[in-house]
Amino acid sequence: MIGYLEGEVAAVLNDSVLLLTAGGVGYQLHLPFPQLASPVAAGTRVKYYVVTVVREDHISLYGFETLAGKALFESLTAVSGIGPKAAMAMLSAFSPRQVAEAIVRQDVALLATTPGIGKKIASRLCVELSDRLALDTTAESPAGDSRGELISALTNLGFPEKDVLTIMHKIPLDLPSFSDQLKQALALLGKN
């Protein structure tokens, strides 16, 4: 699975960029509209956190400038009825922070303004994700990136996501490094 790419933009397409890596391999990355609208011209050096989506008939890559954007995309697509296109539509209409805050506030009306997202799916998003996203509504901040990385690391170590999310509010945001946050989280999880 591809999780990160950096290289030079070879071409800007309708909803994606063709990214040429140092090894000479080109990857087509679908990006949220605001990232495409920013000055991304051929020849520009860029880096993206990537979500690889594998389907029966194709493999698609979705790129994000921050780990928080990537984590939010993964959370959105984990909800039944939300595919990659719908998640990208939301992240094209609103910033990751706005999407997370709308879900936490349970603002179904705002979420339903996204093309392809009706009130039923917007309600499902709020029900399934509001508690998880309430732990960190700063989806575009460096702390948000750190929290997303910490949750990912702990779940990859085999801790149940429910347990990880339960202890996240007990970890101080001002710990000097990711390893300090990880040590604190492991200590808290060890007590459970």
N, C-alpha and C. Protein backbone atom coordinates (compact mmCIF):
# COMPACT_ATOMS: atom_id res chain seq x y z
N MET A 1 0.84 -1.18 0.00
CA MET A 1 0.00 0.00 0.00
C MET A 1 0.88 1.24 0.00
N ILE A 2 0.54 2.21 -0.80
CA ILE A 2 1.29 3.46 -0.88
C ILE A 2 0.72 4.41 0.15
N GLY A 3 1.56 4.97 1.02
CA GLY A 3 1.10 5.87 2.07
C GLY A 3 1.66 7.27 1.98
N TYR A 4 2.70 7.46 1.16
CA TYR A 4 3.33 8.78 1.06
C TYR A 4 4.09 8.84 -0.26
N LEU A 5 3.98 9.97 -0.94
CA LEU A 5 4.73 10.19 -2.18
C LEU A 5 5.24 11.62 -2.23
N GLU A 6 6.41 11.79 -2.78
CA GLU A 6 6.87 13.13 -3.09
C GLU A 6 7.60 13.11 -4.42
N GLY A 7 7.53 14.22 -5.09
CA GLY A 7 8.15 14.31 -6.39
C GLY A 7 7.76 15.59 -7.09
N GLU A 8 7.79 15.55 -8.41
CA GLU A 8 7.52 16.72 -9.22
C GLU A 8 6.22 16.53 -9.98
N VAL A 9 5.41 17.58 -10.02
CA VAL A 9 4.15 17.51 -10.76
C VAL A 9 4.47 17.49 -12.25
N ALA A 10 4.07 16.39 -12.91
CA ALA A 10 4.28 16.28 -14.36
C ALA A 10 3.12 16.92 -15.11
N ALA A 11 1.91 16.82 -14.56
CA ALA A 11 0.73 17.41 -15.21
C ALA A 11 -0.37 17.58 -14.17
N VAL A 12 -1.20 18.61 -14.37
CA VAL A 12 -2.39 18.83 -13.56
C VAL A 12 -3.59 18.43 -14.41
N LEU A 13 -4.38 17.48 -13.91
CA LEU A 13 -5.56 17.00 -14.64
C LEU A 13 -6.82 17.56 -13.98
N ASN A 14 -8.02 17.11 -14.40
CA ASN A 14 -9.27 17.65 -13.87
C ASN A 14 -9.38 17.55 -12.35
N ASP A 15 -9.23 16.34 -11.82
CA ASP A 15 -9.38 16.15 -10.38
C ASP A 15 -8.15 15.51 -9.75
N SER A 16 -7.03 15.59 -10.45
CA SER A 16 -5.84 14.89 -9.98
C SER A 16 -4.58 15.54 -10.54
N VAL A 17 -3.45 15.05 -10.02
CA VAL A 17 -2.15 15.43 -10.57
C VAL A 17 -1.40 14.17 -10.94
N LEU A 18 -0.54 14.29 -11.90
CA LEU A 18 0.37 13.20 -12.25
C LEU A 18 1.69 13.56 -11.60
N LEU A 19 2.09 12.73 -10.61
CA LEU A 19 3.27 13.00 -9.82
C LEU A 19 4.41 12.09 -10.26
N LEU A 20 5.51 12.69 -10.67
CA LEU A 20 6.69 11.94 -11.12
C LEU A 20 7.67 11.86 -9.96
N THR A 21 7.96 10.63 -9.51
CA THR A 21 8.88 10.44 -8.39
C THR A 21 10.32 10.44 -8.89
N ALA A 22 11.25 10.51 -7.94
CA ALA A 22 12.67 10.54 -8.28
C ALA A 22 13.09 9.30 -9.06
N GLY A 23 12.41 8.18 -8.83
CA GLY A 23 12.73 6.93 -9.52
C GLY A 23 12.17 6.87 -10.93
N GLY A 24 11.49 7.92 -11.36
CA GLY A 24 10.96 7.96 -12.71
C GLY A 24 9.59 7.32 -12.87
N VAL A 25 8.92 7.01 -11.77
CA VAL A 25 7.57 6.42 -11.83
C VAL A 25 6.56 7.54 -11.64
N GLY A 26 5.52 7.53 -12.46
CA GLY A 26 4.46 8.53 -12.36
C GLY A 26 3.22 7.96 -11.71
N TYR A 27 2.66 8.68 -10.72
CA TYR A 27 1.46 8.25 -10.03
C TYR A 27 0.38 9.31 -10.22
N GLN A 28 -0.84 8.85 -10.52
CA GLN A 28 -1.96 9.77 -10.62
C GLN A 28 -2.63 9.84 -9.25
N LEU A 29 -2.65 11.02 -8.66
CA LEU A 29 -3.21 11.24 -7.33
C LEU A 29 -4.44 12.13 -7.42
N HIS A 30 -5.57 11.64 -6.92
CA HIS A 30 -6.78 12.46 -6.82
C HIS A 30 -6.62 13.36 -5.60
N LEU A 31 -6.92 14.63 -5.76
CA LEU A 31 -6.75 15.61 -4.68
C LEU A 31 -8.06 16.35 -4.43
N PRO A 32 -8.29 16.81 -3.20
CA PRO A 32 -9.43 17.69 -2.95
C PRO A 32 -9.27 18.97 -3.78
N PHE A 33 -10.38 19.55 -4.19
CA PHE A 33 -10.35 20.71 -5.07
C PHE A 33 -9.48 21.86 -4.55
N PRO A 34 -9.53 22.22 -3.25
CA PRO A 34 -8.69 23.33 -2.80
C PRO A 34 -7.20 23.10 -3.05
N GLN A 35 -6.75 21.84 -2.99
CA GLN A 35 -5.34 21.55 -3.26
C GLN A 35 -5.03 21.70 -4.74
N LEU A 36 -6.02 21.38 -5.58
CA LEU A 36 -5.82 21.55 -7.03
C LEU A 36 -5.87 23.03 -7.42
N ALA A 37 -6.69 23.80 -6.69
CA ALA A 37 -6.85 25.21 -7.01
C ALA A 37 -5.64 26.04 -6.58
N SER A 38 -4.91 25.55 -5.56
CA SER A 38 -3.70 26.26 -5.15
C SER A 38 -2.68 26.15 -6.27
N PRO A 39 -1.70 27.02 -6.27
CA PRO A 39 -0.77 27.02 -7.40
C PRO A 39 0.06 25.73 -7.50
N VAL A 40 -0.50 24.72 -8.14
CA VAL A 40 0.22 23.48 -8.41
C VAL A 40 0.43 23.43 -9.92
N ALA A 41 1.61 23.77 -10.34
CA ALA A 41 1.91 23.79 -11.76
C ALA A 41 2.92 22.68 -12.08
N ALA A 42 2.97 22.31 -13.33
CA ALA A 42 3.96 21.32 -13.77
C ALA A 42 5.34 21.81 -13.37
N GLY A 43 6.13 20.89 -12.83
CA GLY A 43 7.48 21.23 -12.39
C GLY A 43 7.59 21.53 -10.90
N THR A 44 6.46 21.73 -10.22
CA THR A 44 6.47 22.03 -8.80
C THR A 44 6.80 20.77 -8.00
N ARG A 45 7.66 20.90 -6.98
CA ARG A 45 7.95 19.78 -6.07
C ARG A 45 6.87 19.76 -5.00
N VAL A 46 6.30 18.59 -4.78
CA VAL A 46 5.22 18.43 -3.81
C VAL A 46 5.40 17.12 -3.04
N LYS A 47 4.67 17.02 -1.92
CA LYS A 47 4.62 15.78 -1.17
C LYS A 47 3.19 15.60 -0.67
N TYR A 48 2.74 14.35 -0.68
CA TYR A 48 1.37 14.05 -0.26
C TYR A 48 1.35 12.79 0.58
N TYR A 49 0.48 12.81 1.59
CA TYR A 49 0.14 11.59 2.32
C TYR A 49 -0.95 10.93 1.48
N VAL A 50 -0.83 9.63 1.29
CA VAL A 50 -1.65 8.95 0.29
C VAL A 50 -2.51 7.85 0.93
N VAL A 51 -3.75 7.75 0.44
CA VAL A 51 -4.63 6.63 0.75
C VAL A 51 -4.78 5.83 -0.53
N THR A 52 -4.47 4.55 -0.46
CA THR A 52 -4.61 3.65 -1.60
C THR A 52 -5.94 2.92 -1.48
N VAL A 53 -6.78 3.04 -2.50
CA VAL A 53 -8.08 2.36 -2.51
C VAL A 53 -8.06 1.31 -3.61
N VAL A 54 -8.24 0.05 -3.22
CA VAL A 54 -8.21 -1.06 -4.17
C VAL A 54 -9.63 -1.57 -4.37
N ARG A 55 -10.06 -1.59 -5.62
CA ARG A 55 -11.36 -2.14 -6.01
C ARG A 55 -11.10 -3.28 -6.99
N GLU A 56 -12.14 -4.02 -7.31
CA GLU A 56 -12.00 -5.15 -8.24
C GLU A 56 -11.40 -4.72 -9.57
N ASP A 57 -11.85 -3.57 -10.07
CA ASP A 57 -11.48 -3.17 -11.43
C ASP A 57 -10.43 -2.06 -11.51
N HIS A 58 -10.03 -1.50 -10.38
CA HIS A 58 -9.01 -0.45 -10.44
C HIS A 58 -8.40 -0.16 -9.07
N ILE A 59 -7.27 0.53 -9.09
CA ILE A 59 -6.60 1.02 -7.89
C ILE A 59 -6.53 2.53 -8.03
N SER A 60 -6.96 3.25 -6.97
CA SER A 60 -6.93 4.71 -6.99
C SER A 60 -6.11 5.22 -5.83
N LEU A 61 -5.43 6.34 -6.05
CA LEU A 61 -4.63 6.99 -5.02
C LEU A 61 -5.22 8.36 -4.72
N TYR A 62 -5.38 8.66 -3.44
CA TYR A 62 -5.93 9.94 -3.00
C TYR A 62 -4.88 10.64 -2.15
N GLY A 63 -4.52 11.87 -2.52
CA GLY A 63 -3.44 12.59 -1.85
C GLY A 63 -3.94 13.72 -0.97
N PHE A 64 -3.21 13.93 0.15
CA PHE A 64 -3.55 14.96 1.12
C PHE A 64 -2.29 15.64 1.61
N GLU A 65 -2.38 16.95 1.84
CA GLU A 65 -1.21 17.70 2.28
C GLU A 65 -0.85 17.42 3.73
N THR A 66 -1.83 16.98 4.55
CA THR A 66 -1.57 16.73 5.97
C THR A 66 -2.01 15.32 6.35
N LEU A 67 -1.42 14.81 7.42
CA LEU A 67 -1.84 13.52 7.95
C LEU A 67 -3.27 13.60 8.47
N ALA A 68 -3.65 14.78 8.99
CA ALA A 68 -5.02 14.95 9.50
C ALA A 68 -6.03 14.82 8.37
N GLY A 69 -5.72 15.39 7.20
CA GLY A 69 -6.62 15.25 6.05
C GLY A 69 -6.75 13.81 5.61
N LYS A 70 -5.62 13.11 5.61
CA LYS A 70 -5.64 11.68 5.25
C LYS A 70 -6.46 10.88 6.25
N ALA A 71 -6.24 11.13 7.55
CA ALA A 71 -6.97 10.40 8.59
C ALA A 71 -8.47 10.66 8.51
N LEU A 72 -8.85 11.90 8.22
CA LEU A 72 -10.27 12.23 8.11
C LEU A 72 -10.88 11.51 6.91
N PHE A 73 -10.18 11.49 5.79
CA PHE A 73 -10.65 10.77 4.61
C PHE A 73 -10.88 9.30 4.95
N GLU A 74 -9.93 8.69 5.65
CA GLU A 74 -10.07 7.28 6.03
C GLU A 74 -11.26 7.07 6.96
N SER A 75 -11.48 8.00 7.89
CA SER A 75 -12.63 7.91 8.79
C SER A 75 -13.93 8.02 8.02
N LEU A 76 -13.98 8.98 7.10
CA LEU A 76 -15.20 9.18 6.31
C LEU A 76 -15.53 7.94 5.48
N THR A 77 -14.54 7.37 4.82
CA THR A 77 -14.79 6.23 3.94
C THR A 77 -15.07 4.95 4.71
N ALA A 78 -14.80 4.95 6.02
CA ALA A 78 -15.12 3.78 6.84
C ALA A 78 -16.61 3.72 7.18
N VAL A 79 -17.32 4.82 6.95
CA VAL A 79 -18.75 4.87 7.22
C VAL A 79 -19.51 4.30 6.03
N SER A 80 -20.44 3.42 6.31
CA SER A 80 -21.24 2.79 5.26
C SER A 80 -21.97 3.85 4.43
N GLY A 81 -21.86 3.75 3.13
CA GLY A 81 -22.52 4.71 2.24
C GLY A 81 -21.62 5.83 1.79
N ILE A 82 -20.41 5.94 2.36
CA ILE A 82 -19.47 6.99 1.96
C ILE A 82 -18.31 6.33 1.24
N GLY A 83 -18.24 6.56 -0.04
CA GLY A 83 -17.12 6.06 -0.82
C GLY A 83 -16.08 7.14 -0.99
N PRO A 84 -14.99 6.83 -1.67
CA PRO A 84 -13.94 7.82 -1.87
C PRO A 84 -14.41 9.08 -2.59
N LYS A 85 -15.31 8.93 -3.57
CA LYS A 85 -15.78 10.12 -4.31
C LYS A 85 -16.58 11.04 -3.40
N ALA A 86 -17.44 10.47 -2.56
CA ALA A 86 -18.24 11.29 -1.64
C ALA A 86 -17.34 11.96 -0.61
N ALA A 87 -16.35 11.22 -0.09
CA ALA A 87 -15.43 11.81 0.89
C ALA A 87 -14.63 12.94 0.25
N MET A 88 -14.18 12.75 -0.99
CA MET A 88 -13.45 13.81 -1.68
C MET A 88 -14.34 15.02 -1.95
N ALA A 89 -15.62 14.77 -2.24
CA ALA A 89 -16.55 15.88 -2.45
C ALA A 89 -16.67 16.72 -1.18
N MET A 90 -16.74 16.05 -0.03
CA MET A 90 -16.82 16.78 1.24
C MET A 90 -15.55 17.58 1.49
N LEU A 91 -14.39 16.96 1.24
CA LEU A 91 -13.12 17.63 1.48
C LEU A 91 -12.79 18.67 0.41
N SER A 92 -13.56 18.65 -0.68
CA SER A 92 -13.44 19.69 -1.69
C SER A 92 -14.34 20.88 -1.35
N ALA A 93 -15.48 20.60 -0.73
CA ALA A 93 -16.43 21.65 -0.36
C ALA A 93 -16.01 22.37 0.92
N PHE A 94 -15.39 21.64 1.84
CA PHE A 94 -15.02 22.18 3.14
C PHE A 94 -13.60 21.74 3.50
N SER A 95 -12.97 22.48 4.40
CA SER A 95 -11.65 22.07 4.89
C SER A 95 -11.83 20.88 5.84
N PRO A 96 -10.76 20.10 6.08
CA PRO A 96 -10.88 19.01 7.04
C PRO A 96 -11.40 19.48 8.41
N ARG A 97 -10.94 20.63 8.83
CA ARG A 97 -11.39 21.18 10.12
C ARG A 97 -12.89 21.44 10.10
N GLN A 98 -13.40 22.05 9.02
CA GLN A 98 -14.84 22.35 8.92
C GLN A 98 -15.66 21.07 8.91
N VAL A 99 -15.20 20.04 8.20
CA VAL A 99 -15.92 18.76 8.15
C VAL A 99 -15.96 18.15 9.55
N ALA A 100 -14.81 18.11 10.23
CA ALA A 100 -14.75 17.52 11.57
C ALA A 100 -15.64 18.28 12.54
N GLU A 101 -15.59 19.61 12.49
CA GLU A 101 -16.42 20.41 13.40
C GLU A 101 -17.90 20.23 13.10
N ALA A 102 -18.27 20.15 11.83
CA ALA A 102 -19.68 19.95 11.47
C ALA A 102 -20.17 18.59 11.99
N ILE A 103 -19.33 17.58 11.90
CA ILE A 103 -19.71 16.25 12.40
C ILE A 103 -19.85 16.27 13.92
N VAL A 104 -18.91 16.90 14.60
CA VAL A 104 -18.96 16.98 16.06
C VAL A 104 -20.20 17.76 16.51
N ARG A 105 -20.52 18.86 15.80
CA ARG A 105 -21.72 19.67 16.13
C ARG A 105 -23.00 18.99 15.68
N GLN A 106 -22.84 17.91 14.90
CA GLN A 106 -23.97 17.19 14.32
C GLN A 106 -24.80 18.11 13.42
N ASP A 107 -24.09 18.88 12.61
CA ASP A 107 -24.71 19.82 11.68
C ASP A 107 -25.06 19.09 10.38
N VAL A 108 -26.14 18.32 10.43
CA VAL A 108 -26.57 17.50 9.29
C VAL A 108 -26.89 18.38 8.08
N ALA A 109 -27.52 19.52 8.32
CA ALA A 109 -27.91 20.41 7.21
C ALA A 109 -26.69 20.88 6.43
N LEU A 110 -25.63 21.26 7.12
CA LEU A 110 -24.41 21.72 6.43
C LEU A 110 -23.77 20.58 5.65
N LEU A 111 -23.62 19.42 6.29
CA LEU A 111 -23.00 18.28 5.62
C LEU A 111 -23.79 17.85 4.39
N ALA A 112 -25.12 17.95 4.47
CA ALA A 112 -25.99 17.53 3.36
C ALA A 112 -25.92 18.48 2.16
N THR A 113 -25.26 19.64 2.32
CA THR A 113 -25.10 20.53 1.16
C THR A 113 -24.02 20.03 0.20
N THR A 114 -23.26 19.03 0.63
CA THR A 114 -22.23 18.45 -0.23
C THR A 114 -22.90 17.63 -1.33
N PRO A 115 -22.52 17.83 -2.59
CA PRO A 115 -23.10 17.01 -3.66
C PRO A 115 -22.89 15.51 -3.39
N GLY A 116 -23.96 14.74 -3.49
CA GLY A 116 -23.89 13.29 -3.29
C GLY A 116 -24.10 12.86 -1.85
N ILE A 117 -24.22 13.83 -0.93
CA ILE A 117 -24.45 13.51 0.49
C ILE A 117 -25.84 14.01 0.86
N GLY A 118 -26.74 13.07 1.13
CA GLY A 118 -28.08 13.44 1.57
C GLY A 118 -28.14 13.52 3.08
N LYS A 119 -29.32 13.87 3.58
CA LYS A 119 -29.49 14.00 5.04
C LYS A 119 -29.30 12.67 5.76
N LYS A 120 -29.70 11.57 5.12
CA LYS A 120 -29.57 10.26 5.76
C LYS A 120 -28.09 9.91 5.97
N ILE A 121 -27.30 10.10 4.94
CA ILE A 121 -25.86 9.79 5.06
C ILE A 121 -25.17 10.79 5.99
N ALA A 122 -25.56 12.06 5.91
CA ALA A 122 -24.99 13.07 6.82
C ALA A 122 -25.29 12.71 8.27
N SER A 123 -26.50 12.24 8.53
CA SER A 123 -26.86 11.81 9.89
C SER A 123 -26.01 10.63 10.33
N ARG A 124 -25.81 9.68 9.43
CA ARG A 124 -24.99 8.51 9.74
C ARG A 124 -23.55 8.93 10.08
N LEU A 125 -23.02 9.88 9.32
CA LEU A 125 -21.67 10.39 9.61
C LEU A 125 -21.60 10.95 11.03
N CYS A 126 -22.59 11.74 11.38
CA CYS A 126 -22.60 12.35 12.72
C CYS A 126 -22.69 11.30 13.81
N VAL A 127 -23.56 10.32 13.62
CA VAL A 127 -23.73 9.28 14.64
C VAL A 127 -22.45 8.46 14.80
N GLU A 128 -21.85 8.06 13.68
CA GLU A 128 -20.71 7.15 13.75
C GLU A 128 -19.38 7.84 14.08
N LEU A 129 -19.25 9.12 13.75
CA LEU A 129 -17.93 9.76 13.90
C LEU A 129 -17.86 10.88 14.93
N SER A 130 -18.99 11.35 15.43
CA SER A 130 -18.94 12.54 16.30
C SER A 130 -18.11 12.31 17.56
N ASP A 131 -18.24 11.16 18.21
CA ASP A 131 -17.45 10.91 19.42
C ASP A 131 -15.97 10.83 19.11
N ARG A 132 -15.64 10.15 18.04
CA ARG A 132 -14.22 9.99 17.67
C ARG A 132 -13.59 11.34 17.31
N LEU A 133 -14.31 12.14 16.52
CA LEU A 133 -13.75 13.42 16.09
C LEU A 133 -13.81 14.47 17.19
N ALA A 134 -14.66 14.27 18.19
CA ALA A 134 -14.74 15.22 19.30
C ALA A 134 -13.43 15.28 20.07
N LEU A 135 -12.67 14.19 20.03
CA LEU A 135 -11.38 14.17 20.73
C LEU A 135 -10.40 15.15 20.14
N ASP A 136 -10.57 15.46 18.85
CA ASP A 136 -9.64 16.37 18.21
C ASP A 136 -10.31 17.07 17.05
N THR A 137 -10.86 18.24 17.32
CA THR A 137 -11.49 19.02 16.25
C THR A 137 -10.51 19.99 15.62
N THR A 138 -9.23 19.86 15.95
CA THR A 138 -8.21 20.70 15.33
C THR A 138 -7.56 19.92 14.21
N ALA A 139 -8.36 19.51 13.23
CA ALA A 139 -7.91 18.58 12.21
C ALA A 139 -6.80 19.12 11.31
N GLU A 140 -6.55 20.45 11.33
CA GLU A 140 -5.50 20.95 10.45
C GLU A 140 -4.27 21.42 11.20
N SER A 141 -4.24 21.23 12.52
CA SER A 141 -3.11 21.71 13.30
C SER A 141 -2.04 20.64 13.43
N PRO A 142 -0.80 21.04 13.76
CA PRO A 142 0.22 20.04 14.00
C PRO A 142 -0.19 19.08 15.11
N ALA A 143 -0.90 19.57 16.14
CA ALA A 143 -1.37 18.67 17.20
C ALA A 143 -2.33 17.65 16.63
N GLY A 144 -3.17 18.09 15.67
CA GLY A 144 -4.10 17.16 15.03
C GLY A 144 -3.35 16.07 14.29
N ASP A 145 -2.27 16.45 13.59
CA ASP A 145 -1.46 15.45 12.89
C ASP A 145 -0.88 14.47 13.89
N SER A 146 -0.36 15.00 15.00
CA SER A 146 0.26 14.16 16.02
C SER A 146 -0.76 13.20 16.62
N ARG A 147 -1.95 13.67 16.91
CA ARG A 147 -2.99 12.82 17.49
C ARG A 147 -3.38 11.72 16.51
N GLY A 148 -3.52 12.07 15.24
CA GLY A 148 -3.86 11.07 14.24
C GLY A 148 -2.78 10.01 14.12
N GLU A 149 -1.52 10.45 14.15
CA GLU A 149 -0.40 9.50 14.09
C GLU A 149 -0.40 8.59 15.31
N LEU A 150 -0.69 9.16 16.48
CA LEU A 150 -0.68 8.40 17.72
C LEU A 150 -1.80 7.34 17.71
N ILE A 151 -2.99 7.73 17.29
CA ILE A 151 -4.10 6.78 17.20
C ILE A 151 -3.74 5.66 16.24
N SER A 152 -3.19 6.02 15.09
CA SER A 152 -2.81 5.03 14.10
C SER A 152 -1.74 4.07 14.63
N ALA A 153 -0.73 4.62 15.30
CA ALA A 153 0.35 3.79 15.84
C ALA A 153 -0.19 2.80 16.87
N LEU A 154 -1.04 3.27 17.75
CA LEU A 154 -1.56 2.40 18.82
C LEU A 154 -2.48 1.31 18.27
N THR A 155 -3.32 1.66 17.29
CA THR A 155 -4.20 0.63 16.72
C THR A 155 -3.37 -0.37 15.91
N ASN A 156 -2.30 0.10 15.27
CA ASN A 156 -1.42 -0.81 14.54
C ASN A 156 -0.66 -1.75 15.48
N LEU A 157 -0.48 -1.32 16.73
CA LEU A 157 0.16 -2.18 17.73
C LEU A 157 -0.82 -3.22 18.29
N GLY A 158 -2.08 -3.11 17.90
CA GLY A 158 -3.06 -4.12 18.29
C GLY A 158 -4.04 -3.69 19.37
N PHE A 159 -3.94 -2.45 19.84
CA PHE A 159 -4.90 -1.98 20.85
C PHE A 159 -6.24 -1.67 20.17
N PRO A 160 -7.35 -2.05 20.79
CA PRO A 160 -8.66 -1.75 20.20
C PRO A 160 -8.87 -0.23 20.09
N GLU A 161 -9.42 0.21 18.96
CA GLU A 161 -9.61 1.63 18.72
C GLU A 161 -10.44 2.28 19.84
N LYS A 162 -11.42 1.56 20.34
CA LYS A 162 -12.28 2.08 21.42
C LYS A 162 -11.43 2.44 22.64
N ASP A 163 -10.49 1.55 23.02
CA ASP A 163 -9.62 1.81 24.16
C ASP A 163 -8.69 2.99 23.90
N VAL A 164 -8.16 3.05 22.68
CA VAL A 164 -7.24 4.13 22.31
C VAL A 164 -7.96 5.47 22.39
N LEU A 165 -9.16 5.55 21.83
CA LEU A 165 -9.91 6.81 21.84
C LEU A 165 -10.29 7.22 23.26
N THR A 166 -10.50 6.25 24.12
CA THR A 166 -10.87 6.55 25.51
C THR A 166 -9.75 7.25 26.26
N ILE A 167 -8.50 6.89 26.00
CA ILE A 167 -7.38 7.48 26.76
C ILE A 167 -6.78 8.74 26.10
N MET A 168 -7.19 9.05 24.87
CA MET A 168 -6.56 10.17 24.14
C MET A 168 -6.68 11.50 24.88
N HIS A 169 -7.80 11.75 25.54
CA HIS A 169 -7.96 13.04 26.22
C HIS A 169 -7.08 13.17 27.46
N LYS A 170 -6.50 12.07 27.92
CA LYS A 170 -5.63 12.08 29.10
C LYS A 170 -4.18 12.40 28.76
N ILE A 171 -3.86 12.46 27.46
CA ILE A 171 -2.47 12.71 27.04
C ILE A 171 -2.30 14.20 26.79
N PRO A 172 -1.39 14.87 27.53
CA PRO A 172 -1.20 16.32 27.34
C PRO A 172 -0.75 16.66 25.93
N LEU A 173 -1.30 17.74 25.39
CA LEU A 173 -0.94 18.19 24.04
C LEU A 173 0.47 18.77 23.98
N ASP A 174 1.01 19.18 25.13
CA ASP A 174 2.30 19.87 25.12
C ASP A 174 3.50 18.95 25.37
N LEU A 175 3.30 17.64 25.29
CA LEU A 175 4.46 16.74 25.42
C LEU A 175 5.42 17.04 24.27
N PRO A 176 6.74 17.06 24.55
CA PRO A 176 7.71 17.55 23.57
C PRO A 176 7.86 16.71 22.30
N SER A 177 7.57 15.43 22.36
CA SER A 177 7.80 14.63 21.15
C SER A 177 6.75 13.54 21.01
N PHE A 178 6.69 12.99 19.81
CA PHE A 178 5.76 11.89 19.53
C PHE A 178 6.09 10.69 20.42
N SER A 179 7.37 10.41 20.63
CA SER A 179 7.74 9.25 21.45
C SER A 179 7.27 9.43 22.89
N ASP A 180 7.29 10.68 23.40
CA ASP A 180 6.79 10.94 24.75
C ASP A 180 5.28 10.70 24.81
N GLN A 181 4.57 11.12 23.77
CA GLN A 181 3.13 10.88 23.72
C GLN A 181 2.84 9.40 23.66
N LEU A 182 3.62 8.66 22.87
CA LEU A 182 3.44 7.22 22.74
C LEU A 182 3.69 6.52 24.08
N LYS A 183 4.75 6.91 24.78
CA LYS A 183 5.05 6.31 26.09
C LYS A 183 3.90 6.55 27.06
N GLN A 184 3.39 7.78 27.07
CA GLN A 184 2.28 8.13 27.96
C GLN A 184 1.05 7.29 27.62
N ALA A 185 0.76 7.14 26.32
CA ALA A 185 -0.41 6.37 25.88
C ALA A 185 -0.26 4.90 26.26
N LEU A 186 0.94 4.35 26.06
CA LEU A 186 1.17 2.93 26.41
C LEU A 186 1.03 2.71 27.91
N ALA A 187 1.48 3.67 28.70
CA ALA A 187 1.34 3.56 30.16
C ALA A 187 -0.14 3.55 30.53
N LEU A 188 -0.92 4.44 29.92
CA LEU A 188 -2.36 4.51 30.22
C LEU A 188 -3.08 3.25 29.75
N LEU A 189 -2.72 2.76 28.59
CA LEU A 189 -3.36 1.54 28.07
C LEU A 189 -2.97 0.32 28.90
N GLY A 190 -1.78 0.33 29.47
CA GLY A 190 -1.33 -0.76 30.30
C GLY A 190 -2.11 -0.87 31.61
N LYS A 191 -2.66 0.26 32.06
CA LYS A 191 -3.44 0.28 33.29
C LYS A 191 -4.85 -0.28 33.09
N ASN A 192 -5.33 -0.27 31.83
CA ASN A 192 -6.70 -0.72 31.55
C ASN A 192 -6.80 -2.22 31.57
